[in-house]
């Protein structure tokens, strides 16, 4: 992971010191010693997947929603069940 992070962000430029990926790469992040009450972990049984403004239900494959086009890029978000749709991504402009 450290090598991939160095390729994407040489010298970690553009990433803050607080980023989990940076802390993991530098060895400063230890999940064993972290208090799990302060970290937002989503229980798979109590979470739901959202993309394109739609909630994706468990048990159905993604190709049921998006088709079988392998070149499709989808940005998805996880939320707690019953919390509603997450905020939309800002529109892309010039």
PDB file of N, CA and C in Angstrom:
ATOM      1  N   UNK A   1       0.823  -1.181   0.000  1.00  0.00           N
ATOM      2  CA  UNK A   1       0.000   0.000   0.000  1.00  0.00           C
ATOM      3  C   UNK A   1       0.877   1.258   0.000  1.00  0.00           C
ATOM      4  N   UNK A   2       1.984   1.183   0.715  1.00  0.00           N
ATOM      5  CA  UNK A   2       2.867   2.348   0.787  1.00  0.00           C
ATOM      6  C   UNK A   2       3.407   2.706  -0.595  1.00  0.00           C
ATOM      7  N   UNK A   3       3.779   1.686  -1.383  1.00  0.00           N
ATOM      8  CA  UNK A   3       4.309   1.937  -2.727  1.00  0.00           C
ATOM      9  C   UNK A   3       3.238   2.544  -3.635  1.00  0.00           C
ATOM     10  N   UNK A   4       2.017   2.046  -3.541  1.00  0.00           N
ATOM     11  CA  UNK A   4       0.932   2.587  -4.358  1.00  0.00           C
ATOM     12  C   UNK A   4       0.639   4.030  -3.973  1.00  0.00           C
ATOM     13  N   UNK A   5       0.707   4.333  -2.695  1.00  0.00           N
ATOM     14  CA  UNK A   5       0.468   5.696  -2.233  1.00  0.00           C
ATOM     15  C   UNK A   5       1.575   6.631  -2.719  1.00  0.00           C
ATOM     16  N   UNK A   6       2.807   6.152  -2.739  1.00  0.00           N
ATOM     17  CA  UNK A   6       3.933   6.958  -3.233  1.00  0.00           C
ATOM     18  C   UNK A   6       3.803   7.224  -4.730  1.00  0.00           C
ATOM     19  N   UNK A   7       3.270   6.238  -5.474  1.00  0.00           N
ATOM     20  CA  UNK A   7       3.096   6.438  -6.919  1.00  0.00           C
ATOM     21  C   UNK A   7       1.999   7.459  -7.173  1.00  0.00           C
ATOM     22  N   UNK A   8       0.891   7.346  -6.461  1.00  0.00           N
ATOM     23  CA  UNK A   8      -0.232   8.259  -6.670  1.00  0.00           C
ATOM     24  C   UNK A   8       0.049   9.655  -6.124  1.00  0.00           C
ATOM     25  N   UNK A   9       0.711   9.732  -4.979  1.00  0.00           N
ATOM     26  CA  UNK A   9       1.008  11.015  -4.325  1.00  0.00           C
ATOM     27  C   UNK A   9       2.488  11.030  -3.920  1.00  0.00           C
ATOM     28  N   UNK A  10       3.382  11.377  -4.851  1.00  0.00           N
ATOM     29  CA  UNK A  10       4.811  11.397  -4.503  1.00  0.00           C
ATOM     30  C   UNK A  10       5.078  12.313  -3.319  1.00  0.00           C
ATOM     31  N   UNK A  11       5.726  11.781  -2.321  1.00  0.00           N
ATOM     32  CA  UNK A  11       6.028  12.556  -1.125  1.00  0.00           C
ATOM     33  C   UNK A  11       4.787  12.922  -0.341  1.00  0.00           C
ATOM     34  N   UNK A  12       3.690  12.228  -0.599  1.00  0.00           N
ATOM     35  CA  UNK A  12       2.405  12.480   0.052  1.00  0.00           C
ATOM     36  C   UNK A  12       1.912  13.899  -0.197  1.00  0.00           C
ATOM     37  N   UNK A  13       2.335  14.514  -1.320  1.00  0.00           N
ATOM     38  CA  UNK A  13       1.875  15.867  -1.652  1.00  0.00           C
ATOM     39  C   UNK A  13       0.372  15.854  -1.896  1.00  0.00           C
ATOM     40  N   UNK A  14      -0.320  16.790  -1.314  1.00  0.00           N
ATOM     41  CA  UNK A  14      -1.750  16.897  -1.476  1.00  0.00           C
ATOM     42  C   UNK A  14      -2.544  16.131  -0.434  1.00  0.00           C
ATOM     43  N   UNK A  15      -1.857  15.366   0.389  1.00  0.00           N
ATOM     44  CA  UNK A  15      -2.537  14.625   1.455  1.00  0.00           C
ATOM     45  C   UNK A  15      -2.157  15.214   2.798  1.00  0.00           C
ATOM     46  N   UNK A  16      -3.121  15.335   3.665  1.00  0.00           N
ATOM     47  CA  UNK A  16      -2.857  15.864   4.993  1.00  0.00           C
ATOM     48  C   UNK A  16      -2.279  14.799   5.919  1.00  0.00           C
ATOM     49  N   UNK A  17      -1.644  15.248   6.993  1.00  0.00           N
ATOM     50  CA  UNK A  17      -1.052  14.319   7.957  1.00  0.00           C
ATOM     51  C   UNK A  17      -2.112  13.469   8.640  1.00  0.00           C
ATOM     52  N   UNK A  18      -3.360  13.943   8.681  1.00  0.00           N
ATOM     53  CA  UNK A  18      -4.443  13.254   9.367  1.00  0.00           C
ATOM     54  C   UNK A  18      -5.055  12.142   8.518  1.00  0.00           C
ATOM     55  N   UNK A  19      -4.707  12.064   7.231  1.00  0.00           N
ATOM     56  CA  UNK A  19      -5.272  11.052   6.351  1.00  0.00           C
ATOM     57  C   UNK A  19      -4.872   9.659   6.841  1.00  0.00           C
ATOM     58  N   UNK A  20      -5.839   8.779   6.900  1.00  0.00           N
ATOM     59  CA  UNK A  20      -5.607   7.424   7.400  1.00  0.00           C
ATOM     60  C   UNK A  20      -4.571   6.694   6.557  1.00  0.00           C
ATOM     61  N   UNK A  21      -4.624   6.874   5.236  1.00  0.00           N
ATOM     62  CA  UNK A  21      -3.665   6.200   4.358  1.00  0.00           C
ATOM     63  C   UNK A  21      -2.239   6.640   4.653  1.00  0.00           C
ATOM     64  N   UNK A  22      -2.035   7.923   4.901  1.00  0.00           N
ATOM     65  CA  UNK A  22      -0.699   8.430   5.217  1.00  0.00           C
ATOM     66  C   UNK A  22      -0.227   7.875   6.562  1.00  0.00           C
ATOM     67  N   UNK A  23      -1.116   7.879   7.548  1.00  0.00           N
ATOM     68  CA  UNK A  23      -0.743   7.374   8.868  1.00  0.00           C
ATOM     69  C   UNK A  23      -0.435   5.880   8.804  1.00  0.00           C
ATOM     70  N   UNK A  24      -1.168   5.123   8.002  1.00  0.00           N
ATOM     71  CA  UNK A  24      -0.878   3.698   7.849  1.00  0.00           C
ATOM     72  C   UNK A  24       0.473   3.485   7.173  1.00  0.00           C
ATOM     73  N   UNK A  25       0.755   4.263   6.121  1.00  0.00           N
ATOM     74  CA  UNK A  25       2.016   4.120   5.394  1.00  0.00           C
ATOM     75  C   UNK A  25       3.216   4.486   6.263  1.00  0.00           C
ATOM     76  N   UNK A  26       3.045   5.459   7.153  1.00  0.00           N
ATOM     77  CA  UNK A  26       4.144   5.883   8.013  1.00  0.00           C
ATOM     78  C   UNK A  26       4.237   5.055   9.292  1.00  0.00           C
ATOM     79  N   UNK A  27       3.260   4.182   9.511  1.00  0.00           N
ATOM     80  CA  UNK A  27       3.276   3.339  10.700  1.00  0.00           C
ATOM     81  C   UNK A  27       2.759   4.028  11.944  1.00  0.00           C
ATOM     82  N   UNK A  28       2.070   5.152  11.784  1.00  0.00           N
ATOM     83  CA  UNK A  28       1.559   5.907  12.933  1.00  0.00           C
ATOM     84  C   UNK A  28       0.137   5.519  13.315  1.00  0.00           C
ATOM     85  N   UNK A  29      -0.487   4.639  12.566  1.00  0.00           N
ATOM     86  CA  UNK A  29      -1.898   4.309  12.781  1.00  0.00           C
ATOM     87  C   UNK A  29      -1.986   2.855  13.233  1.00  0.00           C
ATOM     88  N   UNK A  30      -2.505   2.635  14.405  1.00  0.00           N
ATOM     89  CA  UNK A  30      -2.609   1.284  14.942  1.00  0.00           C
ATOM     90  C   UNK A  30      -4.056   1.033  15.347  1.00  0.00           C
ATOM     91  N   UNK A  31      -4.737   0.180  14.600  1.00  0.00           N
ATOM     92  CA  UNK A  31      -6.139  -0.088  14.885  1.00  0.00           C
ATOM     93  C   UNK A  31      -6.331  -0.804  16.219  1.00  0.00           C
ATOM     94  N   UNK A  32      -5.337  -1.572  16.645  1.00  0.00           N
ATOM     95  CA  UNK A  32      -5.459  -2.312  17.900  1.00  0.00           C
ATOM     96  C   UNK A  32      -5.535  -1.365  19.093  1.00  0.00           C
ATOM     97  N   UNK A  33      -4.789  -0.265  19.033  1.00  0.00           N
ATOM     98  CA  UNK A  33      -4.746   0.672  20.159  1.00  0.00           C
ATOM     99  C   UNK A  33      -5.803   1.761  20.057  1.00  0.00           C
ATOM    100  N   UNK A  34      -6.448   1.893  18.893  1.00  0.00           N
ATOM    101  CA  UNK A  34      -7.455   2.931  18.716  1.00  0.00           C
ATOM    102  C   UNK A  34      -8.721   2.558  19.474  1.00  0.00           C
ATOM    103  N   UNK A  35      -9.402   3.544  19.973  1.00  0.00           N
ATOM    104  CA  UNK A  35     -10.682   3.338  20.622  1.00  0.00           C
ATOM    105  C   UNK A  35     -11.733   3.227  19.528  1.00  0.00           C
ATOM    106  N   UNK A  36     -12.386   2.088  19.420  1.00  0.00           N
ATOM    107  CA  UNK A  36     -13.334   1.882  18.327  1.00  0.00           C
ATOM    108  C   UNK A  36     -14.562   2.777  18.452  1.00  0.00           C
ATOM    109  N   UNK A  37     -14.768   3.398  19.598  1.00  0.00           N
ATOM    110  CA  UNK A  37     -15.905   4.305  19.743  1.00  0.00           C
ATOM    111  C   UNK A  37     -15.692   5.610  18.989  1.00  0.00           C
ATOM    112  N   UNK A  38     -14.436   5.966  18.696  1.00  0.00           N
ATOM    113  CA  UNK A  38     -14.155   7.219  18.015  1.00  0.00           C
ATOM    114  C   UNK A  38     -14.047   7.040  16.504  1.00  0.00           C
ATOM    115  N   UNK A  39     -14.029   5.802  16.024  1.00  0.00           N
ATOM    116  CA  UNK A  39     -13.912   5.544  14.597  1.00  0.00           C
ATOM    117  C   UNK A  39     -15.281   5.111  14.082  1.00  0.00           C
ATOM    118  N   UNK A  40     -15.670   5.633  12.944  1.00  0.00           N
ATOM    119  CA  UNK A  40     -16.957   5.267  12.375  1.00  0.00           C
ATOM    120  C   UNK A  40     -16.819   4.011  11.529  1.00  0.00           C
ATOM    121  N   UNK A  41     -17.103   2.873  12.133  1.00  0.00           N
ATOM    122  CA  UNK A  41     -17.151   1.621  11.404  1.00  0.00           C
ATOM    123  C   UNK A  41     -18.609   1.318  11.121  1.00  0.00           C
ATOM    124  N   UNK A  42     -18.892   0.881   9.928  1.00  0.00           N
ATOM    125  CA  UNK A  42     -20.256   0.525   9.582  1.00  0.00           C
ATOM    126  C   UNK A  42     -20.398  -0.988   9.626  1.00  0.00           C
ATOM    127  N   UNK A  43     -21.363  -1.445  10.385  1.00  0.00           N
ATOM    128  CA  UNK A  43     -21.653  -2.866  10.466  1.00  0.00           C
ATOM    129  C   UNK A  43     -22.293  -3.300   9.152  1.00  0.00           C
ATOM    130  N   UNK A  44     -21.774  -4.328   8.495  1.00  0.00           N
ATOM    131  CA  UNK A  44     -22.349  -4.748   7.215  1.00  0.00           C
ATOM    132  C   UNK A  44     -23.825  -5.094   7.299  1.00  0.00           C
ATOM    133  N   UNK A  45     -24.278  -5.556   8.446  1.00  0.00           N
ATOM    134  CA  UNK A  45     -25.679  -5.924   8.594  1.00  0.00           C
ATOM    135  C   UNK A  45     -26.581  -4.702   8.734  1.00  0.00           C
ATOM    136  N   UNK A  46     -26.002  -3.569   9.117  1.00  0.00           N
ATOM    137  CA  UNK A  46     -26.789  -2.362   9.348  1.00  0.00           C
ATOM    138  C   UNK A  46     -26.427  -1.232   8.393  1.00  0.00           C
ATOM    139  N   UNK A  47     -25.808  -1.552   7.259  1.00  0.00           N
ATOM    140  CA  UNK A  47     -25.414  -0.512   6.309  1.00  0.00           C
ATOM    141  C   UNK A  47     -26.062  -0.778   4.955  1.00  0.00           C
ATOM    142  N   UNK A  48     -26.098   0.262   4.146  1.00  0.00           N
ATOM    143  CA  UNK A  48     -26.677   0.157   2.811  1.00  0.00           C
ATOM    144  C   UNK A  48     -25.802   0.924   1.824  1.00  0.00           C
ATOM    145  N   UNK A  49     -25.833   0.518   0.579  1.00  0.00           N
ATOM    146  CA  UNK A  49     -25.006   1.080  -0.477  1.00  0.00           C
ATOM    147  C   UNK A  49     -25.837   2.021  -1.325  1.00  0.00           C
ATOM    148  N   UNK A  50     -25.304   3.220  -1.613  1.00  0.00           N
ATOM    149  CA  UNK A  50     -25.991   4.224  -2.428  1.00  0.00           C
ATOM    150  C   UNK A  50     -25.118   4.616  -3.605  1.00  0.00           C
ATOM    151  N   UNK A  51     -25.716   4.740  -4.771  1.00  0.00           N
ATOM    152  CA  UNK A  51     -25.030   5.248  -5.954  1.00  0.00           C
ATOM    153  C   UNK A  51     -26.067   5.813  -6.906  1.00  0.00           C
ATOM    154  N   UNK A  52     -25.729   6.880  -7.577  1.00  0.00           N
ATOM    155  CA  UNK A  52     -26.576   7.517  -8.574  1.00  0.00           C
ATOM    156  C   UNK A  52     -27.952   7.855  -7.983  1.00  0.00           C
ATOM    157  N   UNK A  53     -27.966   8.213  -6.707  1.00  0.00           N
ATOM    158  CA  UNK A  53     -29.203   8.605  -6.061  1.00  0.00           C
ATOM    159  C   UNK A  53     -30.140   7.455  -5.747  1.00  0.00           C
ATOM    160  N   UNK A  54     -29.668   6.218  -5.867  1.00  0.00           N
ATOM    161  CA  UNK A  54     -30.508   5.054  -5.616  1.00  0.00           C
ATOM    162  C   UNK A  54     -29.893   4.192  -4.520  1.00  0.00           C
ATOM    163  N   UNK A  55     -30.751   3.557  -3.762  1.00  0.00           N
ATOM    164  CA  UNK A  55     -30.290   2.628  -2.742  1.00  0.00           C
ATOM    165  C   UNK A  55     -30.186   1.243  -3.364  1.00  0.00           C
ATOM    166  N   UNK A  56     -29.040   0.609  -3.184  1.00  0.00           N
ATOM    167  CA  UNK A  56     -28.832  -0.734  -3.726  1.00  0.00           C
ATOM    168  C   UNK A  56     -29.128  -1.738  -2.622  1.00  0.00           C
ATOM    169  N   UNK A  57     -30.029  -2.651  -2.893  1.00  0.00           N
ATOM    170  CA  UNK A  57     -30.468  -3.605  -1.881  1.00  0.00           C
ATOM    171  C   UNK A  57     -29.546  -4.812  -1.827  1.00  0.00           C
ATOM    172  N   UNK A  58     -29.423  -5.369  -0.655  1.00  0.00           N
ATOM    173  CA  UNK A  58     -28.562  -6.528  -0.445  1.00  0.00           C
ATOM    174  C   UNK A  58     -29.128  -7.734  -1.181  1.00  0.00           C
ATOM    175  N   UNK A  59     -28.241  -8.570  -1.638  1.00  0.00           N
ATOM    176  CA  UNK A  59     -28.648  -9.799  -2.301  1.00  0.00           C
ATOM    177  C   UNK A  59     -28.738  -9.686  -3.813  1.00  0.00           C
ATOM    178  N   UNK A  60     -28.775  -8.473  -4.346  1.00  0.00           N
ATOM    179  CA  UNK A  60     -28.826  -8.299  -5.793  1.00  0.00           C
ATOM    180  C   UNK A  60     -27.448  -7.892  -6.287  1.00  0.00           C
ATOM    181  N   UNK A  61     -26.976  -8.489  -7.374  1.00  0.00           N
ATOM    182  CA  UNK A  61     -25.665  -8.089  -7.910  1.00  0.00           C
ATOM    183  C   UNK A  61     -25.729  -6.682  -8.505  1.00  0.00           C
ATOM    184  N   UNK A  62     -24.574  -6.032  -8.567  1.00  0.00           N
ATOM    185  CA  UNK A  62     -24.532  -4.663  -9.100  1.00  0.00           C
ATOM    186  C   UNK A  62     -24.954  -4.595 -10.554  1.00  0.00           C
ATOM    187  N   UNK A  63     -24.691  -5.646 -11.330  1.00  0.00           N
ATOM    188  CA  UNK A  63     -25.066  -5.584 -12.741  1.00  0.00           C
ATOM    189  C   UNK A  63     -26.585  -5.553 -12.919  1.00  0.00           C
ATOM    190  N   UNK A  64     -27.333  -5.880 -11.895  1.00  0.00           N
ATOM    191  CA  UNK A  64     -28.789  -5.732 -11.938  1.00  0.00           C
ATOM    192  C   UNK A  64     -29.160  -4.249 -12.020  1.00  0.00           C
ATOM    193  N   UNK A  65     -28.371  -3.391 -11.408  1.00  0.00           N
ATOM    194  CA  UNK A  65     -28.642  -1.950 -11.379  1.00  0.00           C
ATOM    195  C   UNK A  65     -27.966  -1.193 -12.519  1.00  0.00           C
ATOM    196  N   UNK A  66     -26.739  -1.586 -12.854  1.00  0.00           N
ATOM    197  CA  UNK A  66     -25.955  -0.785 -13.801  1.00  0.00           C
ATOM    198  C   UNK A  66     -25.728  -1.456 -15.144  1.00  0.00           C
ATOM    199  N   UNK A  67     -26.111  -2.699 -15.311  1.00  0.00           N
ATOM    200  CA  UNK A  67     -25.878  -3.408 -16.560  1.00  0.00           C
ATOM    201  C   UNK A  67     -24.529  -4.101 -16.553  1.00  0.00           C
ATOM    202  N   UNK A  68     -24.133  -4.593 -17.709  1.00  0.00           N
ATOM    203  CA  UNK A  68     -22.901  -5.382 -17.798  1.00  0.00           C
ATOM    204  C   UNK A  68     -21.776  -4.650 -18.520  1.00  0.00           C
ATOM    205  N   UNK A  69     -21.852  -3.334 -18.597  1.00  0.00           N
ATOM    206  CA  UNK A  69     -20.807  -2.546 -19.223  1.00  0.00           C
ATOM    207  C   UNK A  69     -19.613  -2.484 -18.277  1.00  0.00           C
ATOM    208  N   UNK A  70     -18.493  -3.040 -18.690  1.00  0.00           N
ATOM    209  CA  UNK A  70     -17.312  -3.106 -17.829  1.00  0.00           C
ATOM    210  C   UNK A  70     -16.586  -1.772 -17.710  1.00  0.00           C
ATOM    211  N   UNK A  71     -16.910  -0.816 -18.538  1.00  0.00           N
ATOM    212  CA  UNK A  71     -16.208   0.466 -18.526  1.00  0.00           C
ATOM    213  C   UNK A  71     -16.963   1.535 -17.763  1.00  0.00           C
ATOM    214  N   UNK A  72     -17.972   1.151 -17.021  1.00  0.00           N
ATOM    215  CA  UNK A  72     -18.756   2.103 -16.253  1.00  0.00           C
ATOM    216  C   UNK A  72     -18.067   2.392 -14.931  1.00  0.00           C
ATOM    217  N   UNK A  73     -17.943   3.665 -14.593  1.00  0.00           N
ATOM    218  CA  UNK A  73     -17.369   4.067 -13.315  1.00  0.00           C
ATOM    219  C   UNK A  73     -18.493   4.586 -12.438  1.00  0.00           C
ATOM    220  N   UNK A  74     -18.575   4.043 -11.238  1.00  0.00           N
ATOM    221  CA  UNK A  74     -19.637   4.438 -10.319  1.00  0.00           C
ATOM    222  C   UNK A  74     -19.005   4.825  -8.993  1.00  0.00           C
ATOM    223  N   UNK A  75     -19.427   5.927  -8.438  1.00  0.00           N
ATOM    224  CA  UNK A  75     -19.001   6.336  -7.108  1.00  0.00           C
ATOM    225  C   UNK A  75     -20.103   5.952  -6.149  1.00  0.00           C
ATOM    226  N   UNK A  76     -19.755   5.131  -5.171  1.00  0.00           N
ATOM    227  CA  UNK A  76     -20.751   4.642  -4.217  1.00  0.00           C
ATOM    228  C   UNK A  76     -20.429   5.145  -2.820  1.00  0.00           C
ATOM    229  N   UNK A  77     -21.455   5.191  -1.981  1.00  0.00           N
ATOM    230  CA  UNK A  77     -21.279   5.593  -0.585  1.00  0.00           C
ATOM    231  C   UNK A  77     -22.017   4.613   0.301  1.00  0.00           C
ATOM    232  N   UNK A  78     -21.450   4.353   1.459  1.00  0.00           N
ATOM    233  CA  UNK A  78     -22.091   3.514   2.460  1.00  0.00           C
ATOM    234  C   UNK A  78     -22.715   4.400   3.513  1.00  0.00           C
ATOM    235  N   UNK A  79     -23.921   4.055   3.924  1.00  0.00           N
ATOM    236  CA  UNK A  79     -24.585   4.774   5.007  1.00  0.00           C
ATOM    237  C   UNK A  79     -25.255   3.759   5.919  1.00  0.00           C
ATOM    238  N   UNK A  80     -25.652   4.223   7.081  1.00  0.00           N
ATOM    239  CA  UNK A  80     -26.417   3.371   7.973  1.00  0.00           C
ATOM    240  C   UNK A  80     -27.817   3.205   7.407  1.00  0.00           C
ATOM    241  N   UNK A  81     -28.385   2.025   7.591  1.00  0.00           N
ATOM    242  CA  UNK A  81     -29.732   1.775   7.107  1.00  0.00           C
ATOM    243  C   UNK A  81     -30.720   2.737   7.748  1.00  0.00           C
ATOM    244  N   UNK A  82     -31.609   3.269   6.956  1.00  0.00           N
ATOM    245  CA  UNK A  82     -32.635   4.162   7.462  1.00  0.00           C
ATOM    246  C   UNK A  82     -32.216   5.608   7.587  1.00  0.00           C
ATOM    247  N   UNK A  83     -30.946   5.926   7.271  1.00  0.00           N
ATOM    248  CA  UNK A  83     -30.488   7.307   7.408  1.00  0.00           C
ATOM    249  C   UNK A  83     -30.762   8.136   6.160  1.00  0.00           C
ATOM    250  N   UNK A  84     -31.237   7.510   5.104  1.00  0.00           N
ATOM    251  CA  UNK A  84     -31.554   8.238   3.883  1.00  0.00           C
ATOM    252  C   UNK A  84     -30.355   8.367   2.965  1.00  0.00           C
ATOM    253  N   UNK A  85     -30.570   9.042   1.868  1.00  0.00           N
ATOM    254  CA  UNK A  85     -29.524   9.201   0.860  1.00  0.00           C
ATOM    255  C   UNK A  85     -28.432  10.141   1.350  1.00  0.00           C
ATOM    256  N   UNK A  86     -27.164   9.846   1.032  1.00  0.00           N
ATOM    257  CA  UNK A  86     -26.074  10.761   1.395  1.00  0.00           C
ATOM    258  C   UNK A  86     -26.093  11.986   0.491  1.00  0.00           C
ATOM    259  N   UNK A  87     -25.287  12.978   0.840  1.00  0.00           N
ATOM    260  CA  UNK A  87     -25.212  14.194   0.032  1.00  0.00           C
ATOM    261  C   UNK A  87     -24.676  13.846  -1.366  1.00  0.00           C
ATOM    262  N   UNK A  88     -25.201  14.535  -2.360  1.00  0.00           N
ATOM    263  CA  UNK A  88     -24.745  14.307  -3.727  1.00  0.00           C
ATOM    264  C   UNK A  88     -23.389  14.967  -3.950  1.00  0.00           C
ATOM    265  N   UNK A  89     -22.648  14.403  -4.891  1.00  0.00           N
ATOM    266  CA  UNK A  89     -21.370  14.989  -5.289  1.00  0.00           C
ATOM    267  C   UNK A  89     -21.644  16.279  -6.053  1.00  0.00           C
ATOM    268  N   UNK A  90     -20.766  17.287  -5.931  1.00  0.00           N
ATOM    269  CA  UNK A  90     -20.977  18.527  -6.683  1.00  0.00           C
ATOM    270  C   UNK A  90     -20.885  18.288  -8.194  1.00  0.00           C
ATOM    271  N   UNK A  91     -21.616  19.075  -8.948  1.00  0.00           N
ATOM    272  CA  UNK A  91     -21.613  18.945 -10.399  1.00  0.00           C
ATOM    273  C   UNK A  91     -20.244  19.319 -10.950  1.00  0.00           C
ATOM    274  N   UNK A  92     -19.842  18.681 -12.017  1.00  0.00           N
ATOM    275  CA  UNK A  92     -18.563  18.960 -12.656  1.00  0.00           C
ATOM    276  C   UNK A  92     -18.764  20.062 -13.687  1.00  0.00           C
ATOM    277  N   UNK A  93     -17.906  21.075 -13.626  1.00  0.00           N
ATOM    278  CA  UNK A  93     -17.973  22.155 -14.607  1.00  0.00           C
ATOM    279  C   UNK A  93     -16.588  22.407 -15.171  1.00  0.00           C
ATOM    280  N   UNK A  94     -16.432  23.468 -15.963  1.00  0.00           N
ATOM    281  CA  UNK A  94     -15.136  23.763 -16.584  1.00  0.00           C
ATOM    282  C   UNK A  94     -14.092  23.965 -15.520  1.00  0.00           C
TER     283      UNK A  94
END
